[in-house]
């Protein structure tokens, strides 16, 4: 009998162990990784690592983009958020529902996940896992190999496709049992256990909340920029982002659009500063002042700053922003979204 399973695959310790456990029972595994805007790894890194794991252990990995549907549940999760902006229950429902469709399409017999009972307080309780399966319409078809002996028997076990005695009874937050199993299976190159989802990070979640408040339908660039730089809210319609190193500067330039402004200090080591949205003279003045503050010219009383918008270049002379202005505008500090007074400037160009 040719038995086949679909695996929800993050590439982390638990999901890989779930796959290896089922492979050891002679079952073909098709691993699927769902792509959202909120993964910690860049897509290129993710593809390379997952491909390596699949080739190393003998299973196929496919990638599916669910960014649009995922944004819908981030904006309005039916079962609420975790501690930050993480809609964990709705996320699992969406992914299992998609996996159920794929299971039918490719003729797989069941679905596996790397979930461990009690590991996550919001989404990995027994009652919540049962709720998720019901909402995703995959009841009794989801096998969680690492905790299967603590849970209700599933259809693949009843039908004899899977030997329940060769599954596990892991529970709780400790990863020691998984690490011991990984060593026994020859899986030693795994990332340090972590959430893997940016929505669980407080600072990122606050940036996203600010973005959705001011831009209900953000684009790819808006979401990508949340991962890098220092973020400042000049007004509900204007945002300023400042790079922290060369890599972030390059990323900011690559994600800028024709209607954005780029700012940098002339003649000194300088961050690239991006101005997005409603770009007024006051907003540019604020961005120039902030750019000067984070440049190597921060101790000067006046700093020459270059502003690029499309094919036009303008030059300002500004004073570096004070700590008070930084605290008022910086998004991470959850400051009110208002236009604020910034140091006066001498403008040598405008549009």
Foldseek 3Di string as FASTA:
>chain_A
DAAEEEEADPQFLLSLLFVLLLVVLVHAYEYEYEDELWFPDDPVVSVVSVVVSCVVRPHHYYYHYPHVVVLVCLVPPPVDADPFSHSPLSVLLVVLLVSVVVCVVVVHQAYEYRAAAAQDPPQRHQVNVQVSCVSSVRPLRYANQAQRVVHDHGDCVVVVVDPNVSGHRGHHNDCVVSCVVCVVSVNDPGDDDDPRGNRVPHLLRLLVVLCCVLPVDDDSLSSNLSSAAFKWFQASFKIKGWHDDPVRQVSVVVSDDLAKKWKFFPPWAWTIMIMDGDDDPLSVQVRNQQRCCNIPNLPDQWTWMWMDHHPDIWIKIWHHWDPVVCCQTTSSNVHDRYHDDTTDIDTPDDD
